C-alpha atoms as a PDB file:
ATOM      1  CA  MET A   1     110.656  89.033  97.561  1.00  0.00           C
ATOM      2  CA  LEU A   2     113.725  88.945  99.774  1.00  0.00           C
ATOM      3  CA  THR A   3     114.704  85.382 100.527  1.00  0.00           C
ATOM      4  CA  VAL A   4     117.453  83.725 102.535  1.00  0.00           C
ATOM      5  CA  ASP A   5     119.141  82.830  99.241  1.00  0.00           C
ATOM      6  CA  THR A   6     119.003  86.460  98.131  1.00  0.00           C
ATOM      7  CA  PHE A   7     120.562  87.693 101.366  1.00  0.00           C
ATOM      8  CA  SER A   8     123.158  84.936 101.161  1.00  0.00           C
ATOM      9  CA  GLU A   9     124.129  86.058  97.669  1.00  0.00           C
ATOM     10  CA  LEU A  10     124.391  89.680  98.838  1.00  0.00           C
ATOM     11  CA  LEU A  11     126.545  88.727 101.817  1.00  0.00           C
ATOM     12  CA  HIS A  12     128.751  86.527  99.672  1.00  0.00           C
ATOM     13  CA  ALA A  13     129.295  89.395  97.205  1.00  0.00           C
ATOM     14  CA  LEU A  14     130.052  91.850 100.012  1.00  0.00           C
ATOM     15  CA  HIS A  15     132.333  89.480 101.884  1.00  0.00           C
ATOM     16  CA  SER A  16     134.355  88.926  98.710  1.00  0.00           C
ATOM     17  CA  ALA A  17     134.594  92.658  97.945  1.00  0.00           C
ATOM     18  CA  PRO A  18     138.000  93.386  99.493  1.00  0.00           C
ATOM     19  CA  LEU A  19     139.499  90.643  97.339  1.00  0.00           C
ATOM     20  CA  ASP A  20     138.012  91.690  94.004  1.00  0.00           C
ATOM     21  CA  GLN A  21     136.440  95.036  93.093  1.00  0.00           C
ATOM     22  CA  ARG A  22     134.099  93.287  90.615  1.00  0.00           C
ATOM     23  CA  HIS A  23     132.273  91.912  93.661  1.00  0.00           C
ATOM     24  CA  TRP A  24     131.449  95.457  94.770  1.00  0.00           C
ATOM     25  CA  GLN A  25     129.800  96.073  91.381  1.00  0.00           C
ATOM     26  CA  ARG A  26     127.862  92.821  91.730  1.00  0.00           C
ATOM     27  CA  PHE A  27     126.849  93.673  95.307  1.00  0.00           C
ATOM     28  CA  LEU A  28     125.662  97.182  94.380  1.00  0.00           C
ATOM     29  CA  THR A  29     123.770  95.884  91.343  1.00  0.00           C
ATOM     30  CA  LEU A  30     122.015  93.245  93.461  1.00  0.00           C
ATOM     31  CA  LEU A  31     121.247  95.783  96.158  1.00  0.00           C
ATOM     32  CA  SER A  32     119.847  98.200  93.570  1.00  0.00           C
ATOM     33  CA  ARG A  33     117.645  95.498  92.120  1.00  0.00           C
ATOM     34  CA  LEU A  34     116.352  94.466  95.569  1.00  0.00           C
ATOM     35  CA  THR A  35     115.591  98.044  96.594  1.00  0.00           C
ATOM     36  CA  ALA A  36     114.059  98.984  93.221  1.00  0.00           C
ATOM     37  CA  SER A  37     116.775 101.600  92.707  1.00  0.00           C
ATOM     38  CA  SER A  38     118.273 102.362  89.326  1.00  0.00           C
ATOM     39  CA  SER A  39     121.816 102.352  90.678  1.00  0.00           C
ATOM     40  CA  GLY A  40     124.041 102.128  93.715  1.00  0.00           C
ATOM     41  CA  TYR A  41     127.392 103.774  94.411  1.00  0.00           C
ATOM     42  CA  PHE A  42     130.196 103.493  96.897  1.00  0.00           C
ATOM     43  CA  LEU A  43     131.570 107.027  96.967  1.00  0.00           C
ATOM     44  CA  SER A  44     134.455 108.669  98.745  1.00  0.00           C
ATOM     45  CA  ALA A  45     134.555 112.361  99.570  1.00  0.00           C
ATOM     46  CA  ASP A  46     137.475 114.215 101.073  1.00  0.00           C
ATOM     47  CA  PRO A  47     138.466 117.881 101.293  1.00  0.00           C
ATOM     48  CA  GLN A  48     141.481 117.581  98.976  1.00  0.00           C
ATOM     49  CA  ASN A  49     140.169 115.310  96.219  1.00  0.00           C
ATOM     50  CA  GLY A  50     136.430 115.902  96.290  1.00  0.00           C
ATOM     51  CA  LEU A  51     133.982 113.159  95.363  1.00  0.00           C
ATOM     52  CA  ALA A  52     135.135 109.950  93.697  1.00  0.00           C
ATOM     53  CA  ILE A  53     133.238 106.819  92.669  1.00  0.00           C
ATOM     54  CA  LEU A  54     134.985 103.801  94.175  1.00  0.00           C
ATOM     55  CA  ALA A  55     132.444 101.274  92.887  1.00  0.00           C
ATOM     56  CA  GLU A  56     129.063 101.400  91.177  1.00  0.00           C
ATOM     57  CA  GLY A  57     126.321  99.021  90.192  1.00  0.00           C
ATOM     58  CA  GLY A  58     123.188  99.330  88.104  1.00  0.00           C
ATOM     59  CA  ARG A  59     122.895 102.375  85.839  1.00  0.00           C
ATOM     60  CA  PRO A  60     126.134 104.405  85.909  1.00  0.00           C
ATOM     61  CA  ILE A  61     125.970 108.171  86.561  1.00  0.00           C
ATOM     62  CA  GLY A  62     129.223 108.878  84.780  1.00  0.00           C
ATOM     63  CA  ASP A  63     132.156 111.159  85.359  1.00  0.00           C
ATOM     64  CA  LEU A  64     130.288 114.290  84.234  1.00  0.00           C
ATOM     65  CA  THR A  65     128.037 114.214  87.306  1.00  0.00           C
ATOM     66  CA  VAL A  66     131.018 113.698  89.622  1.00  0.00           C
ATOM     67  CA  THR A  67     132.976 116.483  87.913  1.00  0.00           C
ATOM     68  CA  ALA A  68     129.994 118.860  88.144  1.00  0.00           C
ATOM     69  CA  TYR A  69     129.607 118.027  91.842  1.00  0.00           C
ATOM     70  CA  ASN A  70     133.298 118.638  92.559  1.00  0.00           C
ATOM     71  CA  GLN A  71     133.316 121.944  90.654  1.00  0.00           C
ATOM     72  CA  ALA A  72     130.059 123.481  91.835  1.00  0.00           C
ATOM     73  CA  TYR A  73     128.594 121.711  94.859  1.00  0.00           C
ATOM     74  CA  ALA A  74     131.289 120.094  97.000  1.00  0.00           C
ATOM     75  CA  THR A  75     131.722 123.185  99.181  1.00  0.00           C
ATOM     76  CA  LYS A  76     127.966 123.738  99.602  1.00  0.00           C
ATOM     77  CA  ASP A  77     126.691 120.161  99.817  1.00  0.00           C
ATOM     78  CA  PRO A  78     123.823 120.215 102.372  1.00  0.00           C
ATOM     79  CA  PHE A  79     124.647 116.668 103.504  1.00  0.00           C
ATOM     80  CA  ARG A  80     128.227 117.641 104.255  1.00  0.00           C
ATOM     81  CA  ALA A  81     127.017 120.662 106.242  1.00  0.00           C
ATOM     82  CA  ALA A  82     124.628 118.393 108.166  1.00  0.00           C
ATOM     83  CA  LEU A  83     127.473 115.987 109.003  1.00  0.00           C
ATOM     84  CA  PHE A  84     129.589 118.861 110.290  1.00  0.00           C
ATOM     85  CA  GLY A  85     126.616 120.140 112.298  1.00  0.00           C
ATOM     86  CA  LEU A  86     126.123 116.689 113.771  1.00  0.00           C
ATOM     87  CA  ALA A  87     129.812 116.594 114.710  1.00  0.00           C
ATOM     88  CA  ARG A  88     129.370 119.725 116.820  1.00  0.00           C
ATOM     89  CA  VAL A  89     126.631 118.227 118.985  1.00  0.00           C
ATOM     90  CA  SER A  90     127.403 114.518 119.186  1.00  0.00           C
ATOM     91  CA  ASP A  91     129.771 111.756 118.164  1.00  0.00           C
ATOM     92  CA  PRO A  92     129.119 111.571 114.404  1.00  0.00           C
ATOM     93  CA  ILE A  93     130.836 108.239 113.828  1.00  0.00           C
ATOM     94  CA  GLY A  94     128.440 105.787 112.208  1.00  0.00           C
ATOM     95  CA  VAL A  95     125.987 105.260 109.384  1.00  0.00           C
ATOM     96  CA  PHE A  96     123.250 107.794 108.590  1.00  0.00           C
ATOM     97  CA  THR A  97     120.469 107.851 106.022  1.00  0.00           C
ATOM     98  CA  ASP A  98     119.844 110.926 103.938  1.00  0.00           C
ATOM     99  CA  GLU A  99     116.691 111.563 106.016  1.00  0.00           C
ATOM    100  CA  ASP A 100     118.801 111.570 109.209  1.00  0.00           C
ATOM    101  CA  LEU A 101     120.850 114.424 107.817  1.00  0.00           C
ATOM    102  CA  LEU A 102     118.443 116.396 105.657  1.00  0.00           C
ATOM    103  CA  PRO A 103     114.713 115.631 105.404  1.00  0.00           C
ATOM    104  CA  SER A 104     113.495 115.226 101.809  1.00  0.00           C
ATOM    105  CA  ALA A 105     111.552 118.483 101.890  1.00  0.00           C
ATOM    106  CA  GLY A 106     114.799 120.340 102.595  1.00  0.00           C
ATOM    107  CA  LEU A 107     116.753 118.445  99.949  1.00  0.00           C
ATOM    108  CA  LEU A 108     114.174 119.163  97.257  1.00  0.00           C
ATOM    109  CA  ARG A 109     114.681 122.909  97.777  1.00  0.00           C
ATOM    110  CA  THR A 110     118.462 122.835  97.232  1.00  0.00           C
ATOM    111  CA  ASP A 111     120.406 123.769  94.105  1.00  0.00           C
ATOM    112  CA  LEU A 112     122.276 120.486  94.472  1.00  0.00           C
ATOM    113  CA  TYR A 113     119.059 118.515  94.063  1.00  0.00           C
ATOM    114  CA  ARG A 114     117.437 120.696  91.399  1.00  0.00           C
ATOM    115  CA  ASP A 115     120.507 121.164  89.194  1.00  0.00           C
ATOM    116  CA  LEU A 116     122.511 117.965  89.701  1.00  0.00           C
ATOM    117  CA  LEU A 117     120.766 115.115  91.513  1.00  0.00           C
ATOM    118  CA  ALA A 118     117.319 115.302  89.860  1.00  0.00           C
ATOM    119  CA  PRO A 119     118.641 115.291  86.265  1.00  0.00           C
ATOM    120  CA  ALA A 120     120.871 112.306  87.174  1.00  0.00           C
ATOM    121  CA  ARG A 121     117.847 110.607  88.830  1.00  0.00           C
ATOM    122  CA  LEU A 122     119.620 110.469  92.210  1.00  0.00           C
ATOM    123  CA  ARG A 123     117.802 111.060  95.465  1.00  0.00           C
ATOM    124  CA  HIS A 124     118.509 108.757  98.415  1.00  0.00           C
ATOM    125  CA  GLY A 125     121.795 108.087 100.130  1.00  0.00           C
ATOM    126  CA  THR A 126     123.331 106.379 103.100  1.00  0.00           C
ATOM    127  CA  PHE A 127     126.416 107.937 104.649  1.00  0.00           C
ATOM    128  CA  HIS A 128     129.174 106.234 106.552  1.00  0.00           C
ATOM    129  CA  ASN A 129     131.045 108.788 108.604  1.00  0.00           C
ATOM    130  CA  PRO A 130     134.414 107.443 109.774  1.00  0.00           C
ATOM    131  CA  ARG A 131     136.462 109.139 112.447  1.00  0.00           C
ATOM    132  CA  SER A 132     138.858 110.458 109.766  1.00  0.00           C
ATOM    133  CA  PHE A 133     136.063 112.699 108.450  1.00  0.00           C
ATOM    134  CA  LEU A 134     136.822 115.088 111.294  1.00  0.00           C
ATOM    135  CA  SER A 135     140.579 115.085 110.952  1.00  0.00           C
ATOM    136  CA  PRO A 136     142.221 118.454 110.327  1.00  0.00           C
ATOM    137  CA  LEU A 137     142.775 119.546 106.741  1.00  0.00           C
END
């Protein structure tokens, strides 16, 4: 059950995050536990460097999953395509759930899900799209 104390602990961990990266791990672990998820990640993706794990909590996915994504899926990630599509029709700055970008039925039919996400037990995401996402390469 989510209580005021639980939310207070989450907010305290998040508020402390810029000062100490260990707080991000604590925050993501608490968030995973409260949402009945096996893990939580704060990822960064950019055209030059690909995907990188900035912080993680709960069960780690490991560098092999990130490396596989960068080598085989970064250029054909359906979420990335959806973000670019959104940018063409509206102001894409903000936070989006995976369902906002690609309904589950569509995700389940992708190579990305079948070959990478499902074996790693990953399915749901939330995307923060900053203005810099649209900056020229």
